[in-house]
């Protein structure tokens, strides 16, 4: 990953940020800064991957896939977890 000093907000990215802000906000009057929303989203992504790794050997692959599969983390049977971003 390269470090950049700015973040281009496409319409799709802005929509995702707005939806994530609603999840992170502590009520209708709360307007958390973007850095807090991004921190929460990144933490969730890392924890989701760790949670998937933790249950791979305890549950049948299809059950894990049906329960935990998202557009960000994909479970490929029992072989790997991969990011679909880029």
PDB file of N, CA and C in Angstrom:
ATOM      1  N   UNK A   1       0.838  -1.173   0.000  1.00  0.00           N
ATOM      2  CA  UNK A   1       0.000   0.000   0.000  1.00  0.00           C
ATOM      3  C   UNK A   1       0.885   1.239   0.000  1.00  0.00           C
ATOM      4  N   UNK A   2       0.533   2.167  -0.826  1.00  0.00           N
ATOM      5  CA  UNK A   2       1.261   3.433  -0.826  1.00  0.00           C
ATOM      6  C   UNK A   2       0.517   4.437   0.044  1.00  0.00           C
ATOM      7  N   UNK A   3       1.276   5.305   0.681  1.00  0.00           N
ATOM      8  CA  UNK A   3       0.660   6.336   1.517  1.00  0.00           C
ATOM      9  C   UNK A   3       0.348   7.541   0.649  1.00  0.00           C
ATOM     10  N   UNK A   4      -0.859   8.053   0.817  1.00  0.00           N
ATOM     11  CA  UNK A   4      -1.282   9.233   0.070  1.00  0.00           C
ATOM     12  C   UNK A   4      -1.732  10.289   1.055  1.00  0.00           C
ATOM     13  N   UNK A   5      -1.663  11.512   0.631  1.00  0.00           N
ATOM     14  CA  UNK A   5      -2.059  12.601   1.523  1.00  0.00           C
ATOM     15  C   UNK A   5      -3.518  12.992   1.354  1.00  0.00           C
ATOM     16  N   UNK A   6      -4.179  12.471   0.317  1.00  0.00           N
ATOM     17  CA  UNK A   6      -5.585  12.811   0.114  1.00  0.00           C
ATOM     18  C   UNK A   6      -6.360  11.555  -0.244  1.00  0.00           C
ATOM     19  N   UNK A   7      -7.655  11.617  -0.045  1.00  0.00           N
ATOM     20  CA  UNK A   7      -8.537  10.507  -0.341  1.00  0.00           C
ATOM     21  C   UNK A   7      -9.597  10.998  -1.308  1.00  0.00           C
ATOM     22  N   UNK A   8      -9.607  10.450  -2.515  1.00  0.00           N
ATOM     23  CA  UNK A   8     -10.603  10.858  -3.497  1.00  0.00           C
ATOM     24  C   UNK A   8     -11.934  10.205  -3.140  1.00  0.00           C
ATOM     25  N   UNK A   9     -12.948  11.023  -2.933  1.00  0.00           N
ATOM     26  CA  UNK A   9     -14.262  10.516  -2.564  1.00  0.00           C
ATOM     27  C   UNK A   9     -15.156  10.422  -3.789  1.00  0.00           C
ATOM     28  N   UNK A  10     -15.184   9.234  -4.373  1.00  0.00           N
ATOM     29  CA  UNK A  10     -16.124   8.991  -5.460  1.00  0.00           C
ATOM     30  C   UNK A  10     -17.522   8.911  -4.856  1.00  0.00           C
ATOM     31  N   UNK A  11     -18.534   8.942  -5.682  1.00  0.00           N
ATOM     32  CA  UNK A  11     -19.911   8.841  -5.188  1.00  0.00           C
ATOM     33  C   UNK A  11     -20.121   7.535  -4.418  1.00  0.00           C
ATOM     34  N   UNK A  12     -19.593   6.455  -4.953  1.00  0.00           N
ATOM     35  CA  UNK A  12     -19.737   5.153  -4.296  1.00  0.00           C
ATOM     36  C   UNK A  12     -19.020   5.136  -2.942  1.00  0.00           C
ATOM     37  N   UNK A  13     -17.809   5.671  -2.896  1.00  0.00           N
ATOM     38  CA  UNK A  13     -17.049   5.710  -1.640  1.00  0.00           C
ATOM     39  C   UNK A  13     -17.745   6.613  -0.625  1.00  0.00           C
ATOM     40  N   UNK A  14     -18.297   7.731  -1.075  1.00  0.00           N
ATOM     41  CA  UNK A  14     -19.020   8.619  -0.165  1.00  0.00           C
ATOM     42  C   UNK A  14     -20.243   7.924   0.414  1.00  0.00           C
ATOM     43  N   UNK A  15     -20.952   7.169  -0.418  1.00  0.00           N
ATOM     44  CA  UNK A  15     -22.113   6.424   0.060  1.00  0.00           C
ATOM     45  C   UNK A  15     -21.700   5.405   1.120  1.00  0.00           C
ATOM     46  N   UNK A  16     -20.613   4.699   0.878  1.00  0.00           N
ATOM     47  CA  UNK A  16     -20.120   3.732   1.864  1.00  0.00           C
ATOM     48  C   UNK A  16     -19.719   4.426   3.164  1.00  0.00           C
ATOM     49  N   UNK A  17     -19.061   5.565   3.050  1.00  0.00           N
ATOM     50  CA  UNK A  17     -18.686   6.315   4.247  1.00  0.00           C
ATOM     51  C   UNK A  17     -19.917   6.805   5.005  1.00  0.00           C
ATOM     52  N   UNK A  18     -20.923   7.248   4.279  1.00  0.00           N
ATOM     53  CA  UNK A  18     -22.158   7.699   4.935  1.00  0.00           C
ATOM     54  C   UNK A  18     -22.825   6.553   5.678  1.00  0.00           C
ATOM     55  N   UNK A  19     -22.879   5.394   5.047  1.00  0.00           N
ATOM     56  CA  UNK A  19     -23.491   4.232   5.693  1.00  0.00           C
ATOM     57  C   UNK A  19     -22.673   3.781   6.896  1.00  0.00           C
ATOM     58  N   UNK A  20     -21.353   3.790   6.760  1.00  0.00           N
ATOM     59  CA  UNK A  20     -20.488   3.410   7.881  1.00  0.00           C
ATOM     60  C   UNK A  20     -20.607   4.408   9.024  1.00  0.00           C
ATOM     61  N   UNK A  21     -20.760   5.680   8.695  1.00  0.00           N
ATOM     62  CA  UNK A  21     -20.922   6.707   9.725  1.00  0.00           C
ATOM     63  C   UNK A  21     -22.182   6.457  10.541  1.00  0.00           C
ATOM     64  N   UNK A  22     -23.261   6.063   9.872  1.00  0.00           N
ATOM     65  CA  UNK A  22     -24.503   5.748  10.580  1.00  0.00           C
ATOM     66  C   UNK A  22     -24.304   4.602  11.570  1.00  0.00           C
ATOM     67  N   UNK A  23     -23.476   3.637  11.204  1.00  0.00           N
ATOM     68  CA  UNK A  23     -23.206   2.491  12.078  1.00  0.00           C
ATOM     69  C   UNK A  23     -22.362   2.921  13.273  1.00  0.00           C
ATOM     70  N   UNK A  24     -21.368   3.753  13.035  1.00  0.00           N
ATOM     71  CA  UNK A  24     -20.437   4.170  14.091  1.00  0.00           C
ATOM     72  C   UNK A  24     -21.047   5.225  15.003  1.00  0.00           C
ATOM     73  N   UNK A  25     -21.911   6.070  14.459  1.00  0.00           N
ATOM     74  CA  UNK A  25     -22.481   7.185  15.220  1.00  0.00           C
ATOM     75  C   UNK A  25     -23.239   6.691  16.443  1.00  0.00           C
ATOM     76  N   UNK A  26     -23.149   7.472  17.499  1.00  0.00           N
ATOM     77  CA  UNK A  26     -23.815   7.160  18.757  1.00  0.00           C
ATOM     78  C   UNK A  26     -25.102   7.979  18.860  1.00  0.00           C
ATOM     79  N   UNK A  27     -26.009   7.747  17.920  1.00  0.00           N
ATOM     80  CA  UNK A  27     -27.259   8.495  17.907  1.00  0.00           C
ATOM     81  C   UNK A  27     -27.371   9.398  16.696  1.00  0.00           C
ATOM     82  N   UNK A  28     -28.554   9.938  16.471  1.00  0.00           N
ATOM     83  CA  UNK A  28     -28.809  10.761  15.287  1.00  0.00           C
ATOM     84  C   UNK A  28     -28.030  12.072  15.281  1.00  0.00           C
ATOM     85  N   UNK A  29     -27.723  12.591  16.458  1.00  0.00           N
ATOM     86  CA  UNK A  29     -27.019  13.879  16.541  1.00  0.00           C
ATOM     87  C   UNK A  29     -25.503  13.741  16.501  1.00  0.00           C
ATOM     88  N   UNK A  30     -24.995  12.508  16.517  1.00  0.00           N
ATOM     89  CA  UNK A  30     -23.547  12.282  16.530  1.00  0.00           C
ATOM     90  C   UNK A  30     -23.010  12.316  15.103  1.00  0.00           C
ATOM     91  N   UNK A  31     -21.912  13.000  14.906  1.00  0.00           N
ATOM     92  CA  UNK A  31     -21.270  13.077  13.596  1.00  0.00           C
ATOM     93  C   UNK A  31     -19.776  12.786  13.787  1.00  0.00           C
ATOM     94  N   UNK A  32     -19.413  11.486  13.844  1.00  0.00           N
ATOM     95  CA  UNK A  32     -18.018  11.148  14.104  1.00  0.00           C
ATOM     96  C   UNK A  32     -17.114  11.590  12.952  1.00  0.00           C
ATOM     97  N   UNK A  33     -15.856  11.940  13.255  1.00  0.00           N
ATOM     98  CA  UNK A  33     -14.925  12.307  12.183  1.00  0.00           C
ATOM     99  C   UNK A  33     -14.629  11.104  11.293  1.00  0.00           C
ATOM    100  N   UNK A  34     -14.270  11.403  10.052  1.00  0.00           N
ATOM    101  CA  UNK A  34     -13.990  10.343   9.093  1.00  0.00           C
ATOM    102  C   UNK A  34     -12.902   9.399   9.604  1.00  0.00           C
ATOM    103  N   UNK A  35     -11.913   9.919  10.328  1.00  0.00           N
ATOM    104  CA  UNK A  35     -10.836   9.060  10.826  1.00  0.00           C
ATOM    105  C   UNK A  35     -11.375   7.991  11.772  1.00  0.00           C
ATOM    106  N   UNK A  36     -12.389   8.322  12.574  1.00  0.00           N
ATOM    107  CA  UNK A  36     -12.986   7.351  13.495  1.00  0.00           C
ATOM    108  C   UNK A  36     -13.755   6.286  12.705  1.00  0.00           C
ATOM    109  N   UNK A  37     -14.478   6.716  11.690  1.00  0.00           N
ATOM    110  CA  UNK A  37     -15.232   5.783  10.854  1.00  0.00           C
ATOM    111  C   UNK A  37     -14.272   4.837  10.126  1.00  0.00           C
ATOM    112  N   UNK A  38     -13.198   5.375   9.564  1.00  0.00           N
ATOM    113  CA  UNK A  38     -12.222   4.544   8.866  1.00  0.00           C
ATOM    114  C   UNK A  38     -11.528   3.584   9.827  1.00  0.00           C
ATOM    115  N   UNK A  39     -11.178   4.059  11.021  1.00  0.00           N
ATOM    116  CA  UNK A  39     -10.562   3.177  12.020  1.00  0.00           C
ATOM    117  C   UNK A  39     -11.485   2.021  12.372  1.00  0.00           C
ATOM    118  N   UNK A  40     -12.775   2.315  12.560  1.00  0.00           N
ATOM    119  CA  UNK A  40     -13.738   1.268  12.897  1.00  0.00           C
ATOM    120  C   UNK A  40     -13.872   0.262  11.753  1.00  0.00           C
ATOM    121  N   UNK A  41     -13.929   0.760  10.529  1.00  0.00           N
ATOM    122  CA  UNK A  41     -14.069  -0.131   9.371  1.00  0.00           C
ATOM    123  C   UNK A  41     -12.836  -1.009   9.202  1.00  0.00           C
ATOM    124  N   UNK A  42     -11.655  -0.433   9.356  1.00  0.00           N
ATOM    125  CA  UNK A  42     -10.423  -1.213   9.211  1.00  0.00           C
ATOM    126  C   UNK A  42     -10.284  -2.242  10.323  1.00  0.00           C
ATOM    127  N   UNK A  43     -10.645  -1.856  11.541  1.00  0.00           N
ATOM    128  CA  UNK A  43     -10.597  -2.788  12.664  1.00  0.00           C
ATOM    129  C   UNK A  43     -11.562  -3.948  12.424  1.00  0.00           C
ATOM    130  N   UNK A  44     -12.751  -3.632  11.942  1.00  0.00           N
ATOM    131  CA  UNK A  44     -13.733  -4.675  11.650  1.00  0.00           C
ATOM    132  C   UNK A  44     -13.216  -5.635  10.577  1.00  0.00           C
ATOM    133  N   UNK A  45     -12.586  -5.111   9.552  1.00  0.00           N
ATOM    134  CA  UNK A  45     -12.040  -5.941   8.484  1.00  0.00           C
ATOM    135  C   UNK A  45     -10.987  -6.901   9.025  1.00  0.00           C
ATOM    136  N   UNK A  46     -10.062  -6.392   9.826  1.00  0.00           N
ATOM    137  CA  UNK A  46      -8.996  -7.229  10.396  1.00  0.00           C
ATOM    138  C   UNK A  46      -9.589  -8.283  11.332  1.00  0.00           C
ATOM    139  N   UNK A  47     -10.531  -7.870  12.196  1.00  0.00           N
ATOM    140  CA  UNK A  47     -11.140  -8.819  13.128  1.00  0.00           C
ATOM    141  C   UNK A  47     -11.965  -9.876  12.389  1.00  0.00           C
ATOM    142  N   UNK A  48     -12.624  -9.491  11.304  1.00  0.00           N
ATOM    143  CA  UNK A  48     -13.399 -10.457  10.522  1.00  0.00           C
ATOM    144  C   UNK A  48     -12.497 -11.533   9.936  1.00  0.00           C
ATOM    145  N   UNK A  49     -11.356 -11.127   9.412  1.00  0.00           N
ATOM    146  CA  UNK A  49     -10.415 -12.107   8.865  1.00  0.00           C
ATOM    147  C   UNK A  49      -9.927 -13.038   9.964  1.00  0.00           C
ATOM    148  N   UNK A  50      -9.585 -12.482  11.126  1.00  0.00           N
ATOM    149  CA  UNK A  50      -9.125 -13.309  12.243  1.00  0.00           C
ATOM    150  C   UNK A  50     -10.222 -14.271  12.693  1.00  0.00           C
ATOM    151  N   UNK A  51     -11.464 -13.793  12.753  1.00  0.00           N
ATOM    152  CA  UNK A  51     -12.580 -14.653  13.154  1.00  0.00           C
ATOM    153  C   UNK A  51     -12.791 -15.787  12.163  1.00  0.00           C
ATOM    154  N   UNK A  52     -12.666 -15.499  10.874  1.00  0.00           N
ATOM    155  CA  UNK A  52     -12.788 -16.543   9.863  1.00  0.00           C
ATOM    156  C   UNK A  52     -11.692 -17.587  10.034  1.00  0.00           C
ATOM    157  N   UNK A  53     -10.478 -17.133  10.256  1.00  0.00           N
ATOM    158  CA  UNK A  53      -9.367 -18.062  10.460  1.00  0.00           C
ATOM    159  C   UNK A  53      -9.600 -18.946  11.679  1.00  0.00           C
ATOM    160  N   UNK A  54     -10.173 -18.364  12.737  1.00  0.00           N
ATOM    161  CA  UNK A  54     -10.400 -19.104  13.981  1.00  0.00           C
ATOM    162  C   UNK A  54     -11.414 -20.226  13.831  1.00  0.00           C
ATOM    163  N   UNK A  55     -12.414 -20.073  12.966  1.00  0.00           N
ATOM    164  CA  UNK A  55     -13.476 -21.079  12.873  1.00  0.00           C
ATOM    165  C   UNK A  55     -13.319 -22.035  11.697  1.00  0.00           C
ATOM    166  N   UNK A  56     -12.349 -21.823  10.873  1.00  0.00           N
ATOM    167  CA  UNK A  56     -12.197 -22.670   9.675  1.00  0.00           C
ATOM    168  C   UNK A  56     -12.070 -24.143   9.998  1.00  0.00           C
ATOM    169  N   UNK A  57     -11.413 -24.486  11.093  1.00  0.00           N
ATOM    170  CA  UNK A  57     -11.207 -25.896  11.434  1.00  0.00           C
ATOM    171  C   UNK A  57     -12.291 -26.445  12.357  1.00  0.00           C
ATOM    172  N   UNK A  58     -13.209 -25.598  12.808  1.00  0.00           N
ATOM    173  CA  UNK A  58     -14.252 -26.047  13.740  1.00  0.00           C
ATOM    174  C   UNK A  58     -15.593 -26.310  13.080  1.00  0.00           C
ATOM    175  N   UNK A  59     -15.831 -25.715  11.924  1.00  0.00           N
ATOM    176  CA  UNK A  59     -17.125 -25.836  11.263  1.00  0.00           C
ATOM    177  C   UNK A  59     -16.927 -26.281   9.824  1.00  0.00           C
ATOM    178  N   UNK A  60     -17.944 -26.924   9.247  1.00  0.00           N
ATOM    179  CA  UNK A  60     -17.838 -27.319   7.832  1.00  0.00           C
ATOM    180  C   UNK A  60     -17.633 -26.080   6.949  1.00  0.00           C
ATOM    181  N   UNK A  61     -16.842 -26.219   5.906  1.00  0.00           N
ATOM    182  CA  UNK A  61     -16.530 -25.076   5.037  1.00  0.00           C
ATOM    183  C   UNK A  61     -17.764 -24.355   4.508  1.00  0.00           C
ATOM    184  N   UNK A  62     -18.786 -25.086   4.092  1.00  0.00           N
ATOM    185  CA  UNK A  62     -19.968 -24.424   3.527  1.00  0.00           C
ATOM    186  C   UNK A  62     -20.698 -23.609   4.589  1.00  0.00           C
ATOM    187  N   UNK A  63     -20.735 -24.106   5.824  1.00  0.00           N
ATOM    188  CA  UNK A  63     -21.394 -23.364   6.904  1.00  0.00           C
ATOM    189  C   UNK A  63     -20.661 -22.049   7.181  1.00  0.00           C
ATOM    190  N   UNK A  64     -19.333 -22.104   7.191  1.00  0.00           N
ATOM    191  CA  UNK A  64     -18.545 -20.893   7.407  1.00  0.00           C
ATOM    192  C   UNK A  64     -18.766 -19.922   6.258  1.00  0.00           C
ATOM    193  N   UNK A  65     -18.758 -20.434   5.041  1.00  0.00           N
ATOM    194  CA  UNK A  65     -18.956 -19.572   3.875  1.00  0.00           C
ATOM    195  C   UNK A  65     -20.330 -18.927   3.894  1.00  0.00           C
ATOM    196  N   UNK A  66     -21.375 -19.703   4.191  1.00  0.00           N
ATOM    197  CA  UNK A  66     -22.734 -19.172   4.211  1.00  0.00           C
ATOM    198  C   UNK A  66     -22.902 -18.107   5.293  1.00  0.00           C
ATOM    199  N   UNK A  67     -22.234 -18.299   6.414  1.00  0.00           N
ATOM    200  CA  UNK A  67     -22.382 -17.392   7.547  1.00  0.00           C
ATOM    201  C   UNK A  67     -21.517 -16.143   7.410  1.00  0.00           C
ATOM    202  N   UNK A  68     -20.310 -16.276   6.909  1.00  0.00           N
ATOM    203  CA  UNK A  68     -19.317 -15.208   7.022  1.00  0.00           C
ATOM    204  C   UNK A  68     -18.901 -14.562   5.715  1.00  0.00           C
ATOM    205  N   UNK A  69     -19.358 -15.022   4.603  1.00  0.00           N
ATOM    206  CA  UNK A  69     -18.891 -14.484   3.332  1.00  0.00           C
ATOM    207  C   UNK A  69     -19.442 -13.078   3.097  1.00  0.00           C
ATOM    208  N   UNK A  70     -18.593 -12.173   2.686  1.00  0.00           N
ATOM    209  CA  UNK A  70     -18.983 -10.814   2.333  1.00  0.00           C
ATOM    210  C   UNK A  70     -18.325 -10.457   1.018  1.00  0.00           C
ATOM    211  N   UNK A  71     -18.605  -9.269   0.523  1.00  0.00           N
ATOM    212  CA  UNK A  71     -17.961  -8.847  -0.722  1.00  0.00           C
ATOM    213  C   UNK A  71     -16.516  -8.427  -0.485  1.00  0.00           C
ATOM    214  N   UNK A  72     -16.131  -8.266   0.776  1.00  0.00           N
ATOM    215  CA  UNK A  72     -14.755  -7.857   1.072  1.00  0.00           C
ATOM    216  C   UNK A  72     -13.881  -9.074   1.349  1.00  0.00           C
ATOM    217  N   UNK A  73     -14.391  -9.996   2.143  1.00  0.00           N
ATOM    218  CA  UNK A  73     -13.656 -11.218   2.437  1.00  0.00           C
ATOM    219  C   UNK A  73     -14.358 -12.376   1.767  1.00  0.00           C
ATOM    220  N   UNK A  74     -13.636 -13.107   0.960  1.00  0.00           N
ATOM    221  CA  UNK A  74     -14.212 -14.280   0.321  1.00  0.00           C
ATOM    222  C   UNK A  74     -13.537 -15.527   0.850  1.00  0.00           C
ATOM    223  N   UNK A  75     -14.313 -16.554   1.111  1.00  0.00           N
ATOM    224  CA  UNK A  75     -13.755 -17.810   1.592  1.00  0.00           C
ATOM    225  C   UNK A  75     -13.738 -18.785   0.442  1.00  0.00           C
ATOM    226  N   UNK A  76     -12.579 -19.283   0.109  1.00  0.00           N
ATOM    227  CA  UNK A  76     -12.445 -20.243  -0.964  1.00  0.00           C
ATOM    228  C   UNK A  76     -12.311 -21.626  -0.350  1.00  0.00           C
ATOM    229  N   UNK A  77     -13.433 -22.280  -0.208  1.00  0.00           N
ATOM    230  CA  UNK A  77     -13.520 -23.592   0.418  1.00  0.00           C
ATOM    231  C   UNK A  77     -12.664 -23.590   1.673  1.00  0.00           C
ATOM    232  N   UNK A  78     -11.601 -24.353   1.769  1.00  0.00           N
ATOM    233  CA  UNK A  78     -10.742 -24.350   2.952  1.00  0.00           C
ATOM    234  C   UNK A  78      -9.323 -23.942   2.587  1.00  0.00           C
ATOM    235  N   UNK A  79      -9.149 -23.376   1.440  1.00  0.00           N
ATOM    236  CA  UNK A  79      -7.783 -23.127   0.997  1.00  0.00           C
ATOM    237  C   UNK A  79      -7.253 -21.750   1.341  1.00  0.00           C
ATOM    238  N   UNK A  80      -8.103 -20.722   1.246  1.00  0.00           N
ATOM    239  CA  UNK A  80      -7.570 -19.392   1.515  1.00  0.00           C
ATOM    240  C   UNK A  80      -8.682 -18.377   1.721  1.00  0.00           C
ATOM    241  N   UNK A  81      -8.291 -17.270   2.308  1.00  0.00           N
ATOM    242  CA  UNK A  81      -9.169 -16.106   2.407  1.00  0.00           C
ATOM    243  C   UNK A  81      -8.494 -15.027   1.580  1.00  0.00           C
ATOM    244  N   UNK A  82      -9.249 -14.389   0.719  1.00  0.00           N
ATOM    245  CA  UNK A  82      -8.628 -13.376  -0.132  1.00  0.00           C
ATOM    246  C   UNK A  82      -9.453 -12.114  -0.137  1.00  0.00           C
ATOM    247  N   UNK A  83      -8.775 -11.019  -0.322  1.00  0.00           N
ATOM    248  CA  UNK A  83      -9.439  -9.728  -0.433  1.00  0.00           C
ATOM    249  C   UNK A  83      -9.829  -9.510  -1.879  1.00  0.00           C
ATOM    250  N   UNK A  84     -11.033  -9.031  -2.097  1.00  0.00           N
ATOM    251  CA  UNK A  84     -11.465  -8.746  -3.457  1.00  0.00           C
ATOM    252  C   UNK A  84     -11.221  -7.305  -3.831  1.00  0.00           C
ATOM    253  N   UNK A  85     -10.584  -6.556  -2.951  1.00  0.00           N
ATOM    254  CA  UNK A  85     -10.256  -5.168  -3.251  1.00  0.00           C
ATOM    255  C   UNK A  85      -8.972  -5.158  -4.040  1.00  0.00           C
ATOM    256  N   UNK A  86      -9.048  -4.701  -5.247  1.00  0.00           N
ATOM    257  CA  UNK A  86      -7.928  -4.589  -6.191  1.00  0.00           C
ATOM    258  C   UNK A  86      -7.483  -5.920  -6.644  1.00  0.00           C
TER     259      UNK A  86
END
